Amino acid sequence: MTEYEIFVSNDLSDLIEGEGQIVKVRNMENYEMRVVKAELKRPGINLTGAHRLWVRRPMGLKLSDPWTIKIHEDLGSIPDYVGVYQEWG
């Protein structure tokens, strides 16, 4: 199981549970930032084929219980994703 982390606002309002979420995550094995289309679930909810997602607030404080993330599509690294976004306009 790969572990990822995501940085969110203090009130967690930008962390939305469900499918089709486009989020920036960091792979904890190689520390690479990726933009992915994924399904997110709150702590305690099992999701087949999912990975552990550690949530960090702006000052780096890690929440005690991880969420889960199932990545459906890797949209690329941050520079790659910006280029695709500009093409879609």
PDB file of N, CA and C in Angstrom:
ATOM      1  N   MET A   1       0.849  -1.180   0.000  1.00  0.00           N
ATOM      2  CA  MET A   1       0.000   0.000   0.000  1.00  0.00           C
ATOM      3  C   MET A   1       0.893   1.242   0.000  1.00  0.00           C
ATOM      4  N   THR A   2       0.689   2.087  -0.977  1.00  0.00           N
ATOM      5  CA  THR A   2       1.438   3.336  -1.061  1.00  0.00           C
ATOM      6  C   THR A   2       0.784   4.362  -0.142  1.00  0.00           C
ATOM      7  N   GLU A   3       1.591   5.208   0.446  1.00  0.00           N
ATOM      8  CA  GLU A   3       1.059   6.288   1.277  1.00  0.00           C
ATOM      9  C   GLU A   3       1.243   7.606   0.548  1.00  0.00           C
ATOM     10  N   TYR A   4       0.214   8.432   0.624  1.00  0.00           N
ATOM     11  CA  TYR A   4       0.222   9.759   0.026  1.00  0.00           C
ATOM     12  C   TYR A   4      -0.096  10.771   1.104  1.00  0.00           C
ATOM     13  N   GLU A   5       0.196  12.039   0.816  1.00  0.00           N
ATOM     14  CA  GLU A   5      -0.249  13.098   1.714  1.00  0.00           C
ATOM     15  C   GLU A   5      -0.789  14.246   0.882  1.00  0.00           C
ATOM     16  N   ILE A   6      -1.685  14.984   1.509  1.00  0.00           N
ATOM     17  CA  ILE A   6      -2.339  16.116   0.877  1.00  0.00           C
ATOM     18  C   ILE A   6      -2.360  17.272   1.869  1.00  0.00           C
ATOM     19  N   PHE A   7      -2.158  18.474   1.371  1.00  0.00           N
ATOM     20  CA  PHE A   7      -2.214  19.667   2.214  1.00  0.00           C
ATOM     21  C   PHE A   7      -3.536  20.365   1.958  1.00  0.00           C
ATOM     22  N   VAL A   8      -4.247  20.713   3.021  1.00  0.00           N
ATOM     23  CA  VAL A   8      -5.576  21.307   2.901  1.00  0.00           C
ATOM     24  C   VAL A   8      -5.682  22.560   3.767  1.00  0.00           C
ATOM     25  N   SER A   9      -6.785  23.281   3.594  1.00  0.00           N
ATOM     26  CA  SER A   9      -7.031  24.460   4.419  1.00  0.00           C
ATOM     27  C   SER A   9      -7.333  24.035   5.854  1.00  0.00           C
ATOM     28  N   ASN A  10      -7.322  24.980   6.754  1.00  0.00           N
ATOM     29  CA  ASN A  10      -7.523  24.686   8.172  1.00  0.00           C
ATOM     30  C   ASN A  10      -8.866  24.039   8.465  1.00  0.00           C
ATOM     31  N   ASP A  11      -9.907  24.427   7.742  1.00  0.00           N
ATOM     32  CA  ASP A  11     -11.241  23.887   8.035  1.00  0.00           C
ATOM     33  C   ASP A  11     -11.577  22.645   7.198  1.00  0.00           C
ATOM     34  N   LEU A  12     -10.617  22.163   6.429  1.00  0.00           N
ATOM     35  CA  LEU A  12     -10.762  20.965   5.597  1.00  0.00           C
ATOM     36  C   LEU A  12     -11.802  21.125   4.484  1.00  0.00           C
ATOM     37  N   SER A  13     -12.214  22.357   4.183  1.00  0.00           N
ATOM     38  CA  SER A  13     -13.273  22.581   3.196  1.00  0.00           C
ATOM     39  C   SER A  13     -12.864  22.175   1.782  1.00  0.00           C
ATOM     40  N   ASP A  14     -11.572  22.121   1.499  1.00  0.00           N
ATOM     41  CA  ASP A  14     -11.148  21.722   0.162  1.00  0.00           C
ATOM     42  C   ASP A  14     -10.878  20.222   0.047  1.00  0.00           C
ATOM     43  N   LEU A  15     -11.231  19.476   1.086  1.00  0.00           N
ATOM     44  CA  LEU A  15     -11.101  18.020   1.077  1.00  0.00           C
ATOM     45  C   LEU A  15     -12.515  17.449   0.955  1.00  0.00           C
ATOM     46  N   ILE A  16     -12.863  17.028  -0.254  1.00  0.00           N
ATOM     47  CA  ILE A  16     -14.232  16.591  -0.528  1.00  0.00           C
ATOM     48  C   ILE A  16     -14.243  15.087  -0.754  1.00  0.00           C
ATOM     49  N   GLU A  17     -15.131  14.424  -0.035  1.00  0.00           N
ATOM     50  CA  GLU A  17     -15.242  12.979  -0.152  1.00  0.00           C
ATOM     51  C   GLU A  17     -16.017  12.623  -1.422  1.00  0.00           C
ATOM     52  N   GLY A  18     -15.570  11.565  -2.089  1.00  0.00           N
ATOM     53  CA  GLY A  18     -16.291  11.080  -3.263  1.00  0.00           C
ATOM     54  C   GLY A  18     -15.395  10.884  -4.464  1.00  0.00           C
ATOM     55  N   GLU A  19     -16.020  10.452  -5.573  1.00  0.00           N
ATOM     56  CA  GLU A  19     -15.291  10.157  -6.806  1.00  0.00           C
ATOM     57  C   GLU A  19     -15.084  11.407  -7.645  1.00  0.00           C
ATOM     58  N   GLY A  20     -14.113  11.328  -8.538  1.00  0.00           N
ATOM     59  CA  GLY A  20     -13.899  12.390  -9.516  1.00  0.00           C
ATOM     60  C   GLY A  20     -13.233  13.640  -8.991  1.00  0.00           C
ATOM     61  N   GLN A  21     -12.606  13.547  -7.833  1.00  0.00           N
ATOM     62  CA  GLN A  21     -11.924  14.707  -7.262  1.00  0.00           C
ATOM     63  C   GLN A  21     -10.557  14.867  -7.924  1.00  0.00           C
ATOM     64  N   ILE A  22     -10.225  16.085  -8.317  1.00  0.00           N
ATOM     65  CA  ILE A  22      -8.897  16.368  -8.846  1.00  0.00           C
ATOM     66  C   ILE A  22      -8.115  17.053  -7.735  1.00  0.00           C
ATOM     67  N   VAL A  23      -7.057  16.368  -7.287  1.00  0.00           N
ATOM     68  CA  VAL A  23      -6.289  16.849  -6.138  1.00  0.00           C
ATOM     69  C   VAL A  23      -4.795  16.727  -6.403  1.00  0.00           C
ATOM     70  N   LYS A  24      -4.021  17.527  -5.667  1.00  0.00           N
ATOM     71  CA  LYS A  24      -2.562  17.436  -5.686  1.00  0.00           C
ATOM     72  C   LYS A  24      -2.149  16.613  -4.477  1.00  0.00           C
ATOM     73  N   VAL A  25      -1.404  15.552  -4.708  1.00  0.00           N
ATOM     74  CA  VAL A  25      -0.934  14.696  -3.620  1.00  0.00           C
ATOM     75  C   VAL A  25       0.560  14.485  -3.755  1.00  0.00           C
ATOM     76  N   ARG A  26       1.168  14.121  -2.636  1.00  0.00           N
ATOM     77  CA  ARG A  26       2.597  13.794  -2.647  1.00  0.00           C
ATOM     78  C   ARG A  26       2.755  12.329  -2.294  1.00  0.00           C
ATOM     79  N   ASN A  27       3.473  11.607  -3.161  1.00  0.00           N
ATOM     80  CA  ASN A  27       3.785  10.211  -2.924  1.00  0.00           C
ATOM     81  C   ASN A  27       4.853  10.165  -1.839  1.00  0.00           C
ATOM     82  N   MET A  28       4.593   9.465  -0.751  1.00  0.00           N
ATOM     83  CA  MET A  28       5.521   9.448   0.375  1.00  0.00           C
ATOM     84  C   MET A  28       6.745   8.552   0.141  1.00  0.00           C
ATOM     85  N   GLU A  29       6.733   7.747  -0.919  1.00  0.00           N
ATOM     86  CA  GLU A  29       7.896   6.912  -1.214  1.00  0.00           C
ATOM     87  C   GLU A  29       8.992   7.715  -1.911  1.00  0.00           C
ATOM     88  N   ASN A  30       8.591   8.596  -2.841  1.00  0.00           N
ATOM     89  CA  ASN A  30       9.597   9.351  -3.593  1.00  0.00           C
ATOM     90  C   ASN A  30       9.400  10.871  -3.481  1.00  0.00           C
ATOM     91  N   TYR A  31       8.423  11.293  -2.709  1.00  0.00           N
ATOM     92  CA  TYR A  31       8.123  12.707  -2.443  1.00  0.00           C
ATOM     93  C   TYR A  31       7.770  13.500  -3.701  1.00  0.00           C
ATOM     94  N   GLU A  32       7.297  12.810  -4.708  1.00  0.00           N
ATOM     95  CA  GLU A  32       6.904  13.469  -5.948  1.00  0.00           C
ATOM     96  C   GLU A  32       5.465  13.975  -5.837  1.00  0.00           C
ATOM     97  N   MET A  33       5.259  15.229  -6.233  1.00  0.00           N
ATOM     98  CA  MET A  33       3.920  15.821  -6.250  1.00  0.00           C
ATOM     99  C   MET A  33       3.243  15.458  -7.569  1.00  0.00           C
ATOM    100  N   ARG A  34       2.008  14.977  -7.490  1.00  0.00           N
ATOM    101  CA  ARG A  34       1.241  14.592  -8.665  1.00  0.00           C
ATOM    102  C   ARG A  34      -0.154  15.202  -8.585  1.00  0.00           C
ATOM    103  N   VAL A  35      -0.726  15.440  -9.742  1.00  0.00           N
ATOM    104  CA  VAL A  35      -2.135  15.825  -9.827  1.00  0.00           C
ATOM    105  C   VAL A  35      -2.867  14.570 -10.281  1.00  0.00           C
ATOM    106  N   VAL A  36      -3.895  14.182  -9.526  1.00  0.00           N
ATOM    107  CA  VAL A  36      -4.611  12.942  -9.824  1.00  0.00           C
ATOM    108  C   VAL A  36      -6.120  13.160  -9.765  1.00  0.00           C
ATOM    109  N   LYS A  37      -6.812  12.313 -10.500  1.00  0.00           N
ATOM    110  CA  LYS A  37      -8.266  12.233 -10.382  1.00  0.00           C
ATOM    111  C   LYS A  37      -8.527  11.009  -9.527  1.00  0.00           C
ATOM    112  N   ALA A  38      -9.196  11.202  -8.404  1.00  0.00           N
ATOM    113  CA  ALA A  38      -9.268  10.117  -7.429  1.00  0.00           C
ATOM    114  C   ALA A  38     -10.585  10.122  -6.670  1.00  0.00           C
ATOM    115  N   GLU A  39     -10.782   9.039  -5.947  1.00  0.00           N
ATOM    116  CA  GLU A  39     -11.898   8.913  -5.021  1.00  0.00           C
ATOM    117  C   GLU A  39     -11.325   9.013  -3.612  1.00  0.00           C
ATOM    118  N   LEU A  40     -11.908   9.874  -2.785  1.00  0.00           N
ATOM    119  CA  LEU A  40     -11.444  10.077  -1.414  1.00  0.00           C
ATOM    120  C   LEU A  40     -12.502   9.590  -0.437  1.00  0.00           C
ATOM    121  N   LYS A  41     -12.065   8.972   0.650  1.00  0.00           N
ATOM    122  CA  LYS A  41     -12.976   8.515   1.706  1.00  0.00           C
ATOM    123  C   LYS A  41     -12.431   8.907   3.069  1.00  0.00           C
ATOM    124  N   ARG A  42     -13.342   9.259   3.954  1.00  0.00           N
ATOM    125  CA  ARG A  42     -12.998   9.630   5.330  1.00  0.00           C
ATOM    126  C   ARG A  42     -12.407   8.441   6.090  1.00  0.00           C
ATOM    127  N   PRO A  43     -11.751   8.717   7.217  1.00  0.00           N
ATOM    128  CA  PRO A  43     -11.195   7.627   8.033  1.00  0.00           C
ATOM    129  C   PRO A  43     -12.277   6.622   8.436  1.00  0.00           C
ATOM    130  N   GLY A  44     -11.890   5.355   8.438  1.00  0.00           N
ATOM    131  CA  GLY A  44     -12.797   4.301   8.875  1.00  0.00           C
ATOM    132  C   GLY A  44     -13.671   3.722   7.786  1.00  0.00           C
ATOM    133  N   ILE A  45     -13.620   4.280   6.574  1.00  0.00           N
ATOM    134  CA  ILE A  45     -14.420   3.753   5.470  1.00  0.00           C
ATOM    135  C   ILE A  45     -13.492   2.994   4.529  1.00  0.00           C
ATOM    136  N   ASN A  46     -13.762   1.704   4.359  1.00  0.00           N
ATOM    137  CA  ASN A  46     -12.914   0.866   3.505  1.00  0.00           C
ATOM    138  C   ASN A  46     -13.229   1.116   2.037  1.00  0.00           C
ATOM    139  N   LEU A  47     -12.194   1.114   1.224  1.00  0.00           N
ATOM    140  CA  LEU A  47     -12.314   1.312  -0.211  1.00  0.00           C
ATOM    141  C   LEU A  47     -11.350   0.333  -0.872  1.00  0.00           C
ATOM    142  N   THR A  48     -11.870  -0.630  -1.606  1.00  0.00           N
ATOM    143  CA  THR A  48     -11.045  -1.659  -2.234  1.00  0.00           C
ATOM    144  C   THR A  48     -10.024  -1.045  -3.180  1.00  0.00           C
ATOM    145  N   GLY A  49      -8.774  -1.467  -3.055  1.00  0.00           N
ATOM    146  CA  GLY A  49      -7.705  -0.990  -3.924  1.00  0.00           C
ATOM    147  C   GLY A  49      -7.208   0.405  -3.583  1.00  0.00           C
ATOM    148  N   ALA A  50      -7.583   0.894  -2.423  1.00  0.00           N
ATOM    149  CA  ALA A  50      -7.207   2.258  -2.033  1.00  0.00           C
ATOM    150  C   ALA A  50      -5.881   2.290  -1.289  1.00  0.00           C
ATOM    151  N   HIS A  51      -5.330   3.484  -1.200  1.00  0.00           N
ATOM    152  CA  HIS A  51      -4.083   3.738  -0.488  1.00  0.00           C
ATOM    153  C   HIS A  51      -4.360   4.670   0.687  1.00  0.00           C
ATOM    154  N   ARG A  52      -3.410   4.747   1.600  1.00  0.00           N
ATOM    155  CA  ARG A  52      -3.520   5.620   2.766  1.00  0.00           C
ATOM    156  C   ARG A  52      -3.216   7.061   2.337  1.00  0.00           C
ATOM    157  N   LEU A  53      -4.054   8.001   2.782  1.00  0.00           N
ATOM    158  CA  LEU A  53      -3.883   9.417   2.473  1.00  0.00           C
ATOM    159  C   LEU A  53      -3.789  10.203   3.781  1.00  0.00           C
ATOM    160  N   TRP A  54      -2.592  10.692   4.064  1.00  0.00           N
ATOM    161  CA  TRP A  54      -2.396  11.512   5.258  1.00  0.00           C
ATOM    162  C   TRP A  54      -2.763  12.956   4.932  1.00  0.00           C
ATOM    163  N   VAL A  55      -3.555  13.547   5.790  1.00  0.00           N
ATOM    164  CA  VAL A  55      -4.029  14.917   5.587  1.00  0.00           C
ATOM    165  C   VAL A  55      -3.234  15.857   6.481  1.00  0.00           C
ATOM    166  N   ARG A  56      -2.696  16.910   5.870  1.00  0.00           N
ATOM    167  CA  ARG A  56      -1.934  17.915   6.616  1.00  0.00           C
ATOM    168  C   ARG A  56      -2.585  19.281   6.461  1.00  0.00           C
ATOM    169  N   ARG A  57      -2.653  19.990   7.574  1.00  0.00           N
ATOM    170  CA  ARG A  57      -3.162  21.366   7.581  1.00  0.00           C
ATOM    171  C   ARG A  57      -2.051  22.323   7.145  1.00  0.00           C
ATOM    172  N   PRO A  58      -2.355  23.608   6.920  1.00  0.00           N
ATOM    173  CA  PRO A  58      -1.366  24.549   6.382  1.00  0.00           C
ATOM    174  C   PRO A  58      -0.023  24.592   7.107  1.00  0.00           C
ATOM    175  N   MET A  59       0.001  24.469   8.394  1.00  0.00           N
ATOM    176  CA  MET A  59       1.269  24.538   9.131  1.00  0.00           C
ATOM    177  C   MET A  59       1.965  23.180   9.206  1.00  0.00           C
ATOM    178  N   GLY A  60       1.450  22.198   8.471  1.00  0.00           N
ATOM    179  CA  GLY A  60       2.075  20.884   8.423  1.00  0.00           C
ATOM    180  C   GLY A  60       1.549  19.894   9.438  1.00  0.00           C
ATOM    181  N   LEU A  61       0.603  20.317  10.290  1.00  0.00           N
ATOM    182  CA  LEU A  61       0.044  19.428  11.304  1.00  0.00           C
ATOM    183  C   LEU A  61      -0.704  18.283  10.631  1.00  0.00           C
ATOM    184  N   LYS A  62      -0.305  17.046  10.928  1.00  0.00           N
ATOM    185  CA  LYS A  62      -0.920  15.867  10.330  1.00  0.00           C
ATOM    186  C   LYS A  62      -2.099  15.414  11.186  1.00  0.00           C
ATOM    187  N   LEU A  63      -3.237  15.172  10.553  1.00  0.00           N
ATOM    188  CA  LEU A  63      -4.386  14.633  11.278  1.00  0.00           C
ATOM    189  C   LEU A  63      -4.049  13.233  11.778  1.00  0.00           C
ATOM    190  N   SER A  64      -4.627  12.835  12.886  1.00  0.00           N
ATOM    191  CA  SER A  64      -4.257  11.570  13.517  1.00  0.00           C
ATOM    192  C   SER A  64      -4.738  10.338  12.752  1.00  0.00           C
ATOM    193  N   ASP A  65      -5.836  10.449  12.012  1.00  0.00           N
ATOM    194  CA  ASP A  65      -6.368   9.306  11.272  1.00  0.00           C
ATOM    195  C   ASP A  65      -6.311   9.576   9.775  1.00  0.00           C
ATOM    196  N   PRO A  66      -5.736   8.650   9.015  1.00  0.00           N
ATOM    197  CA  PRO A  66      -5.636   8.879   7.569  1.00  0.00           C
ATOM    198  C   PRO A  66      -6.958   8.642   6.846  1.00  0.00           C
ATOM    199  N   TRP A  67      -7.140   9.349   5.741  1.00  0.00           N
ATOM    200  CA  TRP A  67      -8.216   9.100   4.801  1.00  0.00           C
ATOM    201  C   TRP A  67      -7.727   7.991   3.874  1.00  0.00           C
ATOM    202  N   THR A  68      -8.557   7.595   2.913  1.00  0.00           N
ATOM    203  CA  THR A  68      -8.120   6.681   1.867  1.00  0.00           C
ATOM    204  C   THR A  68      -8.303   7.351   0.511  1.00  0.00           C
ATOM    205  N   ILE A  69      -7.449   6.963  -0.432  1.00  0.00           N
ATOM    206  CA  ILE A  69      -7.496   7.513  -1.777  1.00  0.00           C
ATOM    207  C   ILE A  69      -7.349   6.374  -2.778  1.00  0.00           C
ATOM    208  N   LYS A  70      -8.225   6.377  -3.766  1.00  0.00           N
ATOM    209  CA  LYS A  70      -8.124   5.435  -4.876  1.00  0.00           C
ATOM    210  C   LYS A  70      -7.921   6.275  -6.133  1.00  0.00           C
ATOM    211  N   ILE A  71      -6.734   6.183  -6.704  1.00  0.00           N
ATOM    212  CA  ILE A  71      -6.385   7.006  -7.858  1.00  0.00           C
ATOM    213  C   ILE A  71      -6.912   6.341  -9.127  1.00  0.00           C
ATOM    214  N   HIS A  72      -7.749   7.093  -9.853  1.00  0.00           N
ATOM    215  CA  HIS A  72      -8.318   6.593 -11.103  1.00  0.00           C
ATOM    216  C   HIS A  72      -7.501   7.036 -12.314  1.00  0.00           C
ATOM    217  N   GLU A  73      -6.878   8.217 -12.210  1.00  0.00           N
ATOM    218  CA  GLU A  73      -6.102   8.729 -13.337  1.00  0.00           C
ATOM    219  C   GLU A  73      -5.006   9.649 -12.822  1.00  0.00           C
ATOM    220  N   ASP A  74      -3.796   9.433 -13.303  1.00  0.00           N
ATOM    221  CA  ASP A  74      -2.671  10.303 -12.973  1.00  0.00           C
ATOM    222  C   ASP A  74      -2.598  11.370 -14.057  1.00  0.00           C
ATOM    223  N   LEU A  75      -2.818  12.620 -13.685  1.00  0.00           N
ATOM    224  CA  LEU A  75      -2.828  13.722 -14.645  1.00  0.00           C
ATOM    225  C   LEU A  75      -1.450  14.335 -14.831  1.00  0.00           C
ATOM    226  N   GLY A  76      -0.461  13.826 -14.113  1.00  0.00           N
ATOM    227  CA  GLY A  76       0.912  14.266 -14.305  1.00  0.00           C
ATOM    228  C   GLY A  76       1.477  15.043 -13.142  1.00  0.00           C
ATOM    229  N   SER A  77       2.727  15.446 -13.334  1.00  0.00           N
ATOM    230  CA  SER A  77       3.371  16.281 -12.325  1.00  0.00           C
ATOM    231  C   SER A  77       2.778  17.680 -12.419  1.00  0.00           C
ATOM    232  N   ILE A  78       3.107  18.539 -11.485  1.00  0.00           N
ATOM    233  CA  ILE A  78       2.528  19.891 -11.464  1.00  0.00           C
ATOM    234  C   ILE A  78       2.801  20.636 -12.775  1.00  0.00           C
ATOM    235  N   PRO A  79       4.038  20.701 -13.294  1.00  0.00           N
ATOM    236  CA  PRO A  79       4.256  21.420 -14.568  1.00  0.00           C
ATOM    237  C   PRO A  79       3.486  20.796 -15.731  1.00  0.00           C
ATOM    238  N   ASP A  80       3.407  19.446 -15.795  1.00  0.00           N
ATOM    239  CA  ASP A  80       2.668  18.781 -16.864  1.00  0.00           C
ATOM    240  C   ASP A  80       1.191  19.141 -16.803  1.00  0.00           C
ATOM    241  N   TYR A  81       0.632  19.139 -15.597  1.00  0.00           N
ATOM    242  CA  TYR A  81      -0.785  19.408 -15.414  1.00  0.00           C
ATOM    243  C   TYR A  81      -1.122  20.840 -15.825  1.00  0.00           C
ATOM    244  N   VAL A  82      -0.272  21.799 -15.483  1.00  0.00           N
ATOM    245  CA  VAL A  82      -0.514  23.195 -15.846  1.00  0.00           C
ATOM    246  C   VAL A  82      -0.591  23.323 -17.365  1.00  0.00           C
ATOM    247  N   GLY A  83       0.288  22.630 -18.085  1.00  0.00           N
ATOM    248  CA  GLY A  83       0.258  22.667 -19.539  1.00  0.00           C
ATOM    249  C   GLY A  83      -1.032  22.109 -20.105  1.00  0.00           C
ATOM    250  N   VAL A  84      -1.514  21.006 -19.548  1.00  0.00           N
ATOM    251  CA  VAL A  84      -2.775  20.406 -19.996  1.00  0.00           C
ATOM    252  C   VAL A  84      -3.928  21.355 -19.702  1.00  0.00           C
ATOM    253  N   TYR A  85      -3.932  21.961 -18.533  1.00  0.00           N
ATOM    254  CA  TYR A  85      -4.998  22.883 -18.146  1.00  0.00           C
ATOM    255  C   TYR A  85      -5.060  24.051 -19.123  1.00  0.00           C
ATOM    256  N   GLN A  86      -3.916  24.598 -19.511  1.00  0.00           N
ATOM    257  CA  GLN A  86      -3.888  25.714 -20.439  1.00  0.00           C
ATOM    258  C   GLN A  86      -4.416  25.313 -21.800  1.00  0.00           C
ATOM    259  N   GLU A  87      -4.152  24.077 -22.235  1.00  0.00           N
ATOM    260  CA  GLU A  87      -4.669  23.602 -23.511  1.00  0.00           C
ATOM    261  C   GLU A  87      -6.192  23.469 -23.475  1.00  0.00           C
ATOM    262  N   TRP A  88      -6.748  23.043 -22.323  1.00  0.00           N
ATOM    263  CA  TRP A  88      -8.201  22.888 -22.206  1.00  0.00           C
ATOM    264  C   TRP A  88      -8.893  24.236 -22.143  1.00  0.00           C
ATOM    265  N   GLY A  89      -8.144  25.273 -21.694  1.00  0.00           N
ATOM    266  CA  GLY A  89      -8.623  26.634 -21.627  1.00  0.00           C
ATOM    267  C   GLY A  89      -9.779  26.821 -20.758  1.00  0.00           C
TER     268      GLY A  89
END
